[in-house]
PDB file of N, CA and C in Angstrom:
ATOM      1  N   MET A   1       0.849  -1.184   0.000  1.00  0.00           N
ATOM      2  CA  MET A   1       0.000   0.000   0.000  1.00  0.00           C
ATOM      3  C   MET A   1       0.885   1.234   0.000  1.00  0.00           C
ATOM      4  N   ARG A   2       0.499   2.225  -0.770  1.00  0.00           N
ATOM      5  CA  ARG A   2       1.308   3.427  -0.914  1.00  0.00           C
ATOM      6  C   ARG A   2       0.538   4.691  -0.540  1.00  0.00           C
ATOM      7  N   GLY A   3      -0.241   4.626   0.512  1.00  0.00           N
ATOM      8  CA  GLY A   3      -0.961   5.810   0.966  1.00  0.00           C
ATOM      9  C   GLY A   3      -2.243   6.088   0.225  1.00  0.00           C
ATOM     10  N   SER A   4      -2.727   5.117  -0.535  1.00  0.00           N
ATOM     11  CA  SER A   4      -3.931   5.362  -1.327  1.00  0.00           C
ATOM     12  C   SER A   4      -5.150   4.586  -0.833  1.00  0.00           C
ATOM     13  N   GLU A   5      -5.009   3.854   0.248  1.00  0.00           N
ATOM     14  CA  GLU A   5      -6.150   3.085   0.757  1.00  0.00           C
ATOM     15  C   GLU A   5      -7.207   4.022   1.321  1.00  0.00           C
ATOM     16  N   LYS A   6      -8.452   3.732   1.013  1.00  0.00           N
ATOM     17  CA  LYS A   6      -9.562   4.524   1.541  1.00  0.00           C
ATOM     18  C   LYS A   6     -10.240   3.719   2.639  1.00  0.00           C
ATOM     19  N   LEU A   7     -10.167   4.235   3.840  1.00  0.00           N
ATOM     20  CA  LEU A   7     -10.800   3.573   4.982  1.00  0.00           C
ATOM     21  C   LEU A   7     -12.296   3.840   4.966  1.00  0.00           C
ATOM     22  N   PRO A   8     -13.095   2.976   5.593  1.00  0.00           N
ATOM     23  CA  PRO A   8     -14.531   3.249   5.691  1.00  0.00           C
ATOM     24  C   PRO A   8     -14.769   4.581   6.396  1.00  0.00           C
ATOM     25  N   LEU A   9     -15.731   5.318   5.922  1.00  0.00           N
ATOM     26  CA  LEU A   9     -16.094   6.603   6.498  1.00  0.00           C
ATOM     27  C   LEU A   9     -16.597   6.410   7.927  1.00  0.00           C
ATOM     28  N   LEU A  10     -16.163   7.255   8.848  1.00  0.00           N
ATOM     29  CA  LEU A  10     -16.664   7.232  10.225  1.00  0.00           C
ATOM     30  C   LEU A  10     -17.695   8.339  10.354  1.00  0.00           C
ATOM     31  N   ILE A  11     -18.935   7.974  10.583  1.00  0.00           N
ATOM     32  CA  ILE A  11     -20.023   8.937  10.744  1.00  0.00           C
ATOM     33  C   ILE A  11     -20.351   9.036  12.228  1.00  0.00           C
ATOM     34  N   ILE A  12     -20.393  10.273  12.733  1.00  0.00           N
ATOM     35  CA  ILE A  12     -20.740  10.508  14.137  1.00  0.00           C
ATOM     36  C   ILE A  12     -22.002  11.349  14.158  1.00  0.00           C
ATOM     37  N   SER A  13     -23.013  10.868  14.866  1.00  0.00           N
ATOM     38  CA  SER A  13     -24.314  11.532  14.898  1.00  0.00           C
ATOM     39  C   SER A  13     -24.798  11.648  16.339  1.00  0.00           C
ATOM     40  N   LYS A  14     -25.900  12.355  16.520  1.00  0.00           N
ATOM     41  CA  LYS A  14     -26.508  12.476  17.851  1.00  0.00           C
ATOM     42  C   LYS A  14     -27.363  11.264  18.190  1.00  0.00           C
ATOM     43  N   SER A  15     -27.903  10.622  17.194  1.00  0.00           N
ATOM     44  CA  SER A  15     -28.828   9.510  17.406  1.00  0.00           C
ATOM     45  C   SER A  15     -28.092   8.170  17.412  1.00  0.00           C
ATOM     46  N   ALA A  16     -28.348   7.363  18.425  1.00  0.00           N
ATOM     47  CA  ALA A  16     -27.710   6.047  18.507  1.00  0.00           C
ATOM     48  C   ALA A  16     -28.210   5.104  17.416  1.00  0.00           C
ATOM     49  N   LYS A  17     -29.474   5.250  17.035  1.00  0.00           N
ATOM     50  CA  LYS A  17     -30.050   4.405  15.985  1.00  0.00           C
ATOM     51  C   LYS A  17     -30.886   5.264  15.037  1.00  0.00           C
ATOM     52  N   PRO A  18     -30.247   5.997  14.139  1.00  0.00           N
ATOM     53  CA  PRO A  18     -31.000   6.873  13.236  1.00  0.00           C
ATOM     54  C   PRO A  18     -31.783   6.071  12.198  1.00  0.00           C
ATOM     55  N   HIS A  19     -32.925   6.595  11.824  1.00  0.00           N
ATOM     56  CA  HIS A  19     -33.781   5.913  10.849  1.00  0.00           C
ATOM     57  C   HIS A  19     -33.115   5.784   9.484  1.00  0.00           C
ATOM     58  N   CYS A  20     -32.297   6.754   9.126  1.00  0.00           N
ATOM     59  CA  CYS A  20     -31.667   6.713   7.802  1.00  0.00           C
ATOM     60  C   CYS A  20     -30.618   5.610   7.691  1.00  0.00           C
ATOM     61  N   PHE A  21     -30.211   5.029   8.812  1.00  0.00           N
ATOM     62  CA  PHE A  21     -29.229   3.957   8.801  1.00  0.00           C
ATOM     63  C   PHE A  21     -29.812   2.660   9.345  1.00  0.00           C
ATOM     64  N   ASN A  22     -31.039   2.342   8.974  1.00  0.00           N
ATOM     65  CA  ASN A  22     -31.660   1.103   9.445  1.00  0.00           C
ATOM     66  C   ASN A  22     -30.826  -0.122   9.096  1.00  0.00           C
ATOM     67  N   ASN A  23     -30.213  -0.102   7.930  1.00  0.00           N
ATOM     68  CA  ASN A  23     -29.388  -1.228   7.494  1.00  0.00           C
ATOM     69  C   ASN A  23     -27.911  -0.846   7.500  1.00  0.00           C
ATOM     70  N   SER A  24     -27.476  -0.132   8.527  1.00  0.00           N
ATOM     71  CA  SER A  24     -26.102   0.378   8.556  1.00  0.00           C
ATOM     72  C   SER A  24     -25.057  -0.731   8.552  1.00  0.00           C
ATOM     73  N   LYS A  25     -25.415  -1.907   9.002  1.00  0.00           N
ATOM     74  CA  LYS A  25     -24.462  -3.022   8.993  1.00  0.00           C
ATOM     75  C   LYS A  25     -24.065  -3.380   7.564  1.00  0.00           C
ATOM     76  N   LYS A  26     -24.944  -3.087   6.605  1.00  0.00           N
ATOM     77  CA  LYS A  26     -24.672  -3.408   5.210  1.00  0.00           C
ATOM     78  C   LYS A  26     -23.916  -2.295   4.491  1.00  0.00           C
ATOM     79  N   LEU A  27     -23.837  -1.117   5.098  1.00  0.00           N
ATOM     80  CA  LEU A  27     -23.155   0.011   4.471  1.00  0.00           C
ATOM     81  C   LEU A  27     -21.659  -0.033   4.780  1.00  0.00           C
ATOM     82  N   PRO A  28     -20.831   0.465   3.860  1.00  0.00           N
ATOM     83  CA  PRO A  28     -19.383   0.471   4.103  1.00  0.00           C
ATOM     84  C   PRO A  28     -18.951   1.669   4.947  1.00  0.00           C
ATOM     85  N   VAL A  29     -19.586   1.839   6.113  1.00  0.00           N
ATOM     86  CA  VAL A  29     -19.271   2.959   7.003  1.00  0.00           C
ATOM     87  C   VAL A  29     -19.161   2.458   8.439  1.00  0.00           C
ATOM     88  N   GLU A  30     -18.456   3.224   9.248  1.00  0.00           N
ATOM     89  CA  GLU A  30     -18.429   3.022  10.693  1.00  0.00           C
ATOM     90  C   GLU A  30     -19.378   4.064  11.265  1.00  0.00           C
ATOM     91  N   TYR A  31     -20.077   3.740  12.338  1.00  0.00           N
ATOM     92  CA  TYR A  31     -21.055   4.667  12.900  1.00  0.00           C
ATOM     93  C   TYR A  31     -20.865   4.770  14.404  1.00  0.00           C
ATOM     94  N   ALA A  32     -20.913   6.005  14.910  1.00  0.00           N
ATOM     95  CA  ALA A  32     -20.837   6.250  16.353  1.00  0.00           C
ATOM     96  C   ALA A  32     -21.787   7.390  16.684  1.00  0.00           C
ATOM     97  N   ALA A  33     -22.178   7.485  17.946  1.00  0.00           N
ATOM     98  CA  ALA A  33     -23.112   8.543  18.353  1.00  0.00           C
ATOM     99  C   ALA A  33     -22.731   9.089  19.722  1.00  0.00           C
ATOM    100  N   ASN A  34     -23.005  10.370  19.894  1.00  0.00           N
ATOM    101  CA  ASN A  34     -22.929  11.005  21.206  1.00  0.00           C
ATOM    102  C   ASN A  34     -23.799  12.251  21.181  1.00  0.00           C
ATOM    103  N   LYS A  35     -24.000  12.852  22.332  1.00  0.00           N
ATOM    104  CA  LYS A  35     -24.968  13.941  22.505  1.00  0.00           C
ATOM    105  C   LYS A  35     -24.747  15.125  21.558  1.00  0.00           C
ATOM    106  N   LYS A  36     -23.505  15.454  21.254  1.00  0.00           N
ATOM    107  CA  LYS A  36     -23.226  16.616  20.410  1.00  0.00           C
ATOM    108  C   LYS A  36     -22.729  16.255  19.009  1.00  0.00           C
ATOM    109  N   ALA A  37     -22.662  14.979  18.704  1.00  0.00           N
ATOM    110  CA  ALA A  37     -22.166  14.497  17.411  1.00  0.00           C
ATOM    111  C   ALA A  37     -20.724  14.938  17.165  1.00  0.00           C
ATOM    112  N   TRP A  38     -19.929  14.948  18.218  1.00  0.00           N
ATOM    113  CA  TRP A  38     -18.522  15.323  18.127  1.00  0.00           C
ATOM    114  C   TRP A  38     -17.642  14.087  18.229  1.00  0.00           C
ATOM    115  N   MET A  39     -16.445  14.199  17.669  1.00  0.00           N
ATOM    116  CA  MET A  39     -15.441  13.166  17.891  1.00  0.00           C
ATOM    117  C   MET A  39     -14.996  13.289  19.350  1.00  0.00           C
ATOM    118  N   THR A  40     -15.120  12.213  20.085  1.00  0.00           N
ATOM    119  CA  THR A  40     -14.685  12.196  21.485  1.00  0.00           C
ATOM    120  C   THR A  40     -13.479  11.277  21.618  1.00  0.00           C
ATOM    121  N   ASN A  41     -12.833  11.349  22.749  1.00  0.00           N
ATOM    122  CA  ASN A  41     -11.695  10.484  23.002  1.00  0.00           C
ATOM    123  C   ASN A  41     -12.109   9.017  22.968  1.00  0.00           C
ATOM    124  N   ASP A  42     -13.264   8.689  23.531  1.00  0.00           N
ATOM    125  CA  ASP A  42     -13.738   7.294  23.534  1.00  0.00           C
ATOM    126  C   ASP A  42     -13.988   6.785  22.117  1.00  0.00           C
ATOM    127  N   ILE A  43     -14.624   7.598  21.285  1.00  0.00           N
ATOM    128  CA  ILE A  43     -14.884   7.198  19.894  1.00  0.00           C
ATOM    129  C   ILE A  43     -13.562   7.031  19.154  1.00  0.00           C
ATOM    130  N   PHE A  44     -12.648   7.976  19.343  1.00  0.00           N
ATOM    131  CA  PHE A  44     -11.349   7.922  18.675  1.00  0.00           C
ATOM    132  C   PHE A  44     -10.585   6.662  19.066  1.00  0.00           C
ATOM    133  N   ILE A  45     -10.541   6.360  20.357  1.00  0.00           N
ATOM    134  CA  ILE A  45      -9.820   5.173  20.823  1.00  0.00           C
ATOM    135  C   ILE A  45     -10.450   3.898  20.265  1.00  0.00           C
ATOM    136  N   SER A  46     -11.765   3.802  20.315  1.00  0.00           N
ATOM    137  CA  SER A  46     -12.457   2.621  19.801  1.00  0.00           C
ATOM    138  C   SER A  46     -12.168   2.421  18.313  1.00  0.00           C
ATOM    139  N   TRP A  47     -12.256   3.494  17.547  1.00  0.00           N
ATOM    140  CA  TRP A  47     -12.007   3.445  16.103  1.00  0.00           C
ATOM    141  C   TRP A  47     -10.561   3.041  15.822  1.00  0.00           C
ATOM    142  N   LEU A  48      -9.623   3.647  16.560  1.00  0.00           N
ATOM    143  CA  LEU A  48      -8.206   3.338  16.357  1.00  0.00           C
ATOM    144  C   LEU A  48      -7.878   1.893  16.714  1.00  0.00           C
ATOM    145  N   GLN A  49      -8.424   1.399  17.810  1.00  0.00           N
ATOM    146  CA  GLN A  49      -8.147   0.020  18.214  1.00  0.00           C
ATOM    147  C   GLN A  49      -8.673  -0.973  17.182  1.00  0.00           C
ATOM    148  N   LYS A  50      -9.820  -0.672  16.603  1.00  0.00           N
ATOM    149  CA  LYS A  50     -10.376  -1.534  15.556  1.00  0.00           C
ATOM    150  C   LYS A  50      -9.464  -1.536  14.324  1.00  0.00           C
ATOM    151  N   LEU A  51      -9.001  -0.352  13.931  1.00  0.00           N
ATOM    152  CA  LEU A  51      -8.072  -0.255  12.803  1.00  0.00           C
ATOM    153  C   LEU A  51      -6.755  -0.958  13.111  1.00  0.00           C
ATOM    154  N   ASP A  52      -6.279  -0.799  14.326  1.00  0.00           N
ATOM    155  CA  ASP A  52      -5.022  -1.420  14.728  1.00  0.00           C
ATOM    156  C   ASP A  52      -5.100  -2.939  14.589  1.00  0.00           C
ATOM    157  N   ARG A  53      -6.205  -3.527  15.042  1.00  0.00           N
ATOM    158  CA  ARG A  53      -6.383  -4.984  14.907  1.00  0.00           C
ATOM    159  C   ARG A  53      -6.371  -5.393  13.432  1.00  0.00           C
ATOM    160  N   LYS A  54      -7.063  -4.616  12.597  1.00  0.00           N
ATOM    161  CA  LYS A  54      -7.128  -4.912  11.158  1.00  0.00           C
ATOM    162  C   LYS A  54      -5.734  -4.885  10.542  1.00  0.00           C
ATOM    163  N   PHE A  55      -4.974  -3.819  10.815  1.00  0.00           N
ATOM    164  CA  PHE A  55      -3.640  -3.693  10.239  1.00  0.00           C
ATOM    165  C   PHE A  55      -2.689  -4.746  10.798  1.00  0.00           C
ATOM    166  N   LEU A  56      -2.817  -5.072  12.058  1.00  0.00           N
ATOM    167  CA  LEU A  56      -1.975  -6.094  12.671  1.00  0.00           C
ATOM    168  C   LEU A  56      -2.204  -7.450  12.004  1.00  0.00           C
ATOM    169  N   LEU A  57      -3.465  -7.801  11.771  1.00  0.00           N
ATOM    170  CA  LEU A  57      -3.785  -9.067  11.099  1.00  0.00           C
ATOM    171  C   LEU A  57      -3.254  -9.101   9.670  1.00  0.00           C
ATOM    172  N   GLN A  58      -3.149  -7.932   9.045  1.00  0.00           N
ATOM    173  CA  GLN A  58      -2.624  -7.844   7.680  1.00  0.00           C
ATOM    174  C   GLN A  58      -1.101  -7.745   7.656  1.00  0.00           C
ATOM    175  N   GLY A  59      -0.482  -7.687   8.846  1.00  0.00           N
ATOM    176  CA  GLY A  59       0.967  -7.581   8.926  1.00  0.00           C
ATOM    177  C   GLY A  59       1.504  -6.235   8.468  1.00  0.00           C
ATOM    178  N   ARG A  60       0.733  -5.185   8.700  1.00  0.00           N
ATOM    179  CA  ARG A  60       1.110  -3.847   8.239  1.00  0.00           C
ATOM    180  C   ARG A  60       1.469  -2.940   9.410  1.00  0.00           C
ATOM    181  N   SER A  61       2.351  -1.987   9.135  1.00  0.00           N
ATOM    182  CA  SER A  61       2.665  -0.918  10.083  1.00  0.00           C
ATOM    183  C   SER A  61       2.236   0.386   9.433  1.00  0.00           C
ATOM    184  N   VAL A  62       1.531   1.225  10.184  1.00  0.00           N
ATOM    185  CA  VAL A  62       0.932   2.435   9.628  1.00  0.00           C
ATOM    186  C   VAL A  62       1.279   3.631  10.502  1.00  0.00           C
ATOM    187  N   ALA A  63       1.628   4.742   9.866  1.00  0.00           N
ATOM    188  CA  ALA A  63       1.786   6.017  10.575  1.00  0.00           C
ATOM    189  C   ALA A  63       0.555   6.851  10.255  1.00  0.00           C
ATOM    190  N   MET A  64      -0.092   7.376  11.280  1.00  0.00           N
ATOM    191  CA  MET A  64      -1.295   8.189  11.089  1.00  0.00           C
ATOM    192  C   MET A  64      -1.016   9.591  11.620  1.00  0.00           C
ATOM    193  N   ILE A  65      -1.157  10.584  10.740  1.00  0.00           N
ATOM    194  CA  ILE A  65      -0.925  11.976  11.122  1.00  0.00           C
ATOM    195  C   ILE A  65      -2.242  12.562  11.604  1.00  0.00           C
ATOM    196  N   VAL A  66      -2.234  13.102  12.824  1.00  0.00           N
ATOM    197  CA  VAL A  66      -3.444  13.694  13.403  1.00  0.00           C
ATOM    198  C   VAL A  66      -3.126  15.087  13.936  1.00  0.00           C
ATOM    199  N   ASP A  67      -4.138  15.945  13.955  1.00  0.00           N
ATOM    200  CA  ASP A  67      -3.917  17.286  14.498  1.00  0.00           C
ATOM    201  C   ASP A  67      -3.966  17.243  16.021  1.00  0.00           C
ATOM    202  N   ASN A  68      -3.923  18.389  16.646  1.00  0.00           N
ATOM    203  CA  ASN A  68      -3.836  18.421  18.108  1.00  0.00           C
ATOM    204  C   ASN A  68      -5.192  18.606  18.783  1.00  0.00           C
ATOM    205  N   CYS A  69      -6.247  18.102  18.178  1.00  0.00           N
ATOM    206  CA  CYS A  69      -7.582  18.121  18.780  1.00  0.00           C
ATOM    207  C   CYS A  69      -7.536  17.368  20.114  1.00  0.00           C
ATOM    208  N   SER A  70      -8.225  17.876  21.109  1.00  0.00           N
ATOM    209  CA  SER A  70      -8.186  17.246  22.435  1.00  0.00           C
ATOM    210  C   SER A  70      -8.748  15.824  22.436  1.00  0.00           C
ATOM    211  N   ALA A  71      -9.579  15.487  21.461  1.00  0.00           N
ATOM    212  CA  ALA A  71     -10.117  14.122  21.378  1.00  0.00           C
ATOM    213  C   ALA A  71      -9.055  13.124  20.932  1.00  0.00           C
ATOM    214  N   TYR A  72      -8.001  13.618  20.303  1.00  0.00           N
ATOM    215  CA  TYR A  72      -6.965  12.738  19.769  1.00  0.00           C
ATOM    216  C   TYR A  72      -5.805  12.597  20.733  1.00  0.00           C
ATOM    217  N   SER A  73      -6.047  11.973  21.843  1.00  0.00           N
ATOM    218  CA  SER A  73      -4.960  11.773  22.801  1.00  0.00           C
ATOM    219  C   SER A  73      -4.165  10.534  22.416  1.00  0.00           C
ATOM    220  N   SER A  74      -3.062  10.340  23.071  1.00  0.00           N
ATOM    221  CA  SER A  74      -2.272   9.131  22.841  1.00  0.00           C
ATOM    222  C   SER A  74      -3.103   7.913  23.194  1.00  0.00           C
ATOM    223  N   VAL A  75      -2.886   6.868  22.468  1.00  0.00           N
ATOM    224  CA  VAL A  75      -3.578   5.613  22.729  1.00  0.00           C
ATOM    225  C   VAL A  75      -2.511   4.570  23.028  1.00  0.00           C
ATOM    226  N   ASP A  76      -2.617   3.961  24.191  1.00  0.00           N
ATOM    227  CA  ASP A  76      -1.640   2.949  24.585  1.00  0.00           C
ATOM    228  C   ASP A  76      -1.917   1.634  23.875  1.00  0.00           C
ATOM    229  N   ASN A  77      -0.882   0.840  23.757  1.00  0.00           N
ATOM    230  CA  ASN A  77      -0.968  -0.538  23.265  1.00  0.00           C
ATOM    231  C   ASN A  77      -1.326  -0.672  21.796  1.00  0.00           C
ATOM    232  N   LEU A  78      -1.100   0.343  20.995  1.00  0.00           N
ATOM    233  CA  LEU A  78      -1.273   0.175  19.552  1.00  0.00           C
ATOM    234  C   LEU A  78      -0.046  -0.558  19.028  1.00  0.00           C
ATOM    235  N   LYS A  79      -0.270  -1.597  18.251  1.00  0.00           N
ATOM    236  CA  LYS A  79       0.836  -2.402  17.762  1.00  0.00           C
ATOM    237  C   LYS A  79       1.167  -2.125  16.300  1.00  0.00           C
ATOM    238  N   ALA A  80       0.180  -1.759  15.507  1.00  0.00           N
ATOM    239  CA  ALA A  80       0.397  -1.561  14.074  1.00  0.00           C
ATOM    240  C   ALA A  80       0.286  -0.101  13.649  1.00  0.00           C
ATOM    241  N   ILE A  81      -0.189   0.771  14.532  1.00  0.00           N
ATOM    242  CA  ILE A  81      -0.377   2.184  14.195  1.00  0.00           C
ATOM    243  C   ILE A  81       0.526   3.040  15.077  1.00  0.00           C
ATOM    244  N   LYS A  82       1.242   3.955  14.429  1.00  0.00           N
ATOM    245  CA  LYS A  82       2.021   4.965  15.158  1.00  0.00           C
ATOM    246  C   LYS A  82       1.349   6.308  14.907  1.00  0.00           C
ATOM    247  N   LEU A  83       0.934   6.973  15.974  1.00  0.00           N
ATOM    248  CA  LEU A  83       0.313   8.287  15.851  1.00  0.00           C
ATOM    249  C   LEU A  83       1.399   9.354  15.791  1.00  0.00           C
ATOM    250  N   VAL A  84       1.277  10.244  14.811  1.00  0.00           N
ATOM    251  CA  VAL A  84       2.189  11.376  14.664  1.00  0.00           C
ATOM    252  C   VAL A  84       1.338  12.625  14.826  1.00  0.00           C
ATOM    253  N   PHE A  85       1.566  13.369  15.909  1.00  0.00           N
ATOM    254  CA  PHE A  85       0.753  14.552  16.210  1.00  0.00           C
ATOM    255  C   PHE A  85       1.374  15.802  15.603  1.00  0.00           C
ATOM    256  N   LEU A  86       0.555  16.579  14.903  1.00  0.00           N
ATOM    257  CA  LEU A  86       1.004  17.869  14.390  1.00  0.00           C
ATOM    258  C   LEU A  86       1.183  18.835  15.554  1.00  0.00           C
ATOM    259  N   PRO A  87       2.138  19.747  15.458  1.00  0.00           N
ATOM    260  CA  PRO A  87       2.273  20.764  16.504  1.00  0.00           C
ATOM    261  C   PRO A  87       1.048  21.678  16.521  1.00  0.00           C
ATOM    262  N   PRO A  88       0.785  22.351  17.637  1.00  0.00           N
ATOM    263  CA  PRO A  88      -0.353  23.275  17.710  1.00  0.00           C
ATOM    264  C   PRO A  88      -0.293  24.337  16.610  1.00  0.00           C
ATOM    265  N   ASN A  89      -1.457  24.715  16.121  1.00  0.00           N
ATOM    266  CA  ASN A  89      -1.617  25.773  15.117  1.00  0.00           C
ATOM    267  C   ASN A  89      -0.973  25.465  13.769  1.00  0.00           C
ATOM    268  N   THR A  90      -0.840  24.191  13.424  1.00  0.00           N
ATOM    269  CA  THR A  90      -0.280  23.843  12.116  1.00  0.00           C
ATOM    270  C   THR A  90      -1.243  23.033  11.262  1.00  0.00           C
ATOM    271  N   THR A  91      -2.451  22.818  11.720  1.00  0.00           N
ATOM    272  CA  THR A  91      -3.414  21.997  10.993  1.00  0.00           C
ATOM    273  C   THR A  91      -3.673  22.533   9.592  1.00  0.00           C
ATOM    274  N   SER A  92      -3.749  23.849   9.434  1.00  0.00           N
ATOM    275  CA  SER A  92      -4.114  24.427   8.138  1.00  0.00           C
ATOM    276  C   SER A  92      -2.944  24.550   7.168  1.00  0.00           C
ATOM    277  N   ILE A  93      -1.757  24.218   7.601  1.00  0.00           N
ATOM    278  CA  ILE A  93      -0.585  24.366   6.722  1.00  0.00           C
ATOM    279  C   ILE A  93      -0.575  23.297   5.662  1.00  0.00           C
TER     280      ILE A  93
END
C-alpha cells in the first residue's frame, strides 16, 4: 500500500439508531453517536483500536498523522499504528 487506501467513512451523529441507517451493517461505514455528534476520546480510541487490529492481522505498520484536537490523545498498546501529532496551530498548513 502506498498511501492510497480509503478507509470506511466514520459517521458521528446524535442519534444512537437513526432511521436513515436502518441497514447500517450493510453500508461500508463506521457509525458512532454522542450527545453533540462530536469526535470524542472514547470514539477515537475505539475506532483506532479496531483499525489497529485490522492492520496487525494484515501484517502492516501504519503512521497516522493527526492534528492536536483534544479528542486525539495518545492511545496505549497500539501495535500496528504509530500516531504522529502535528504541533499546535499547524493543521491548516
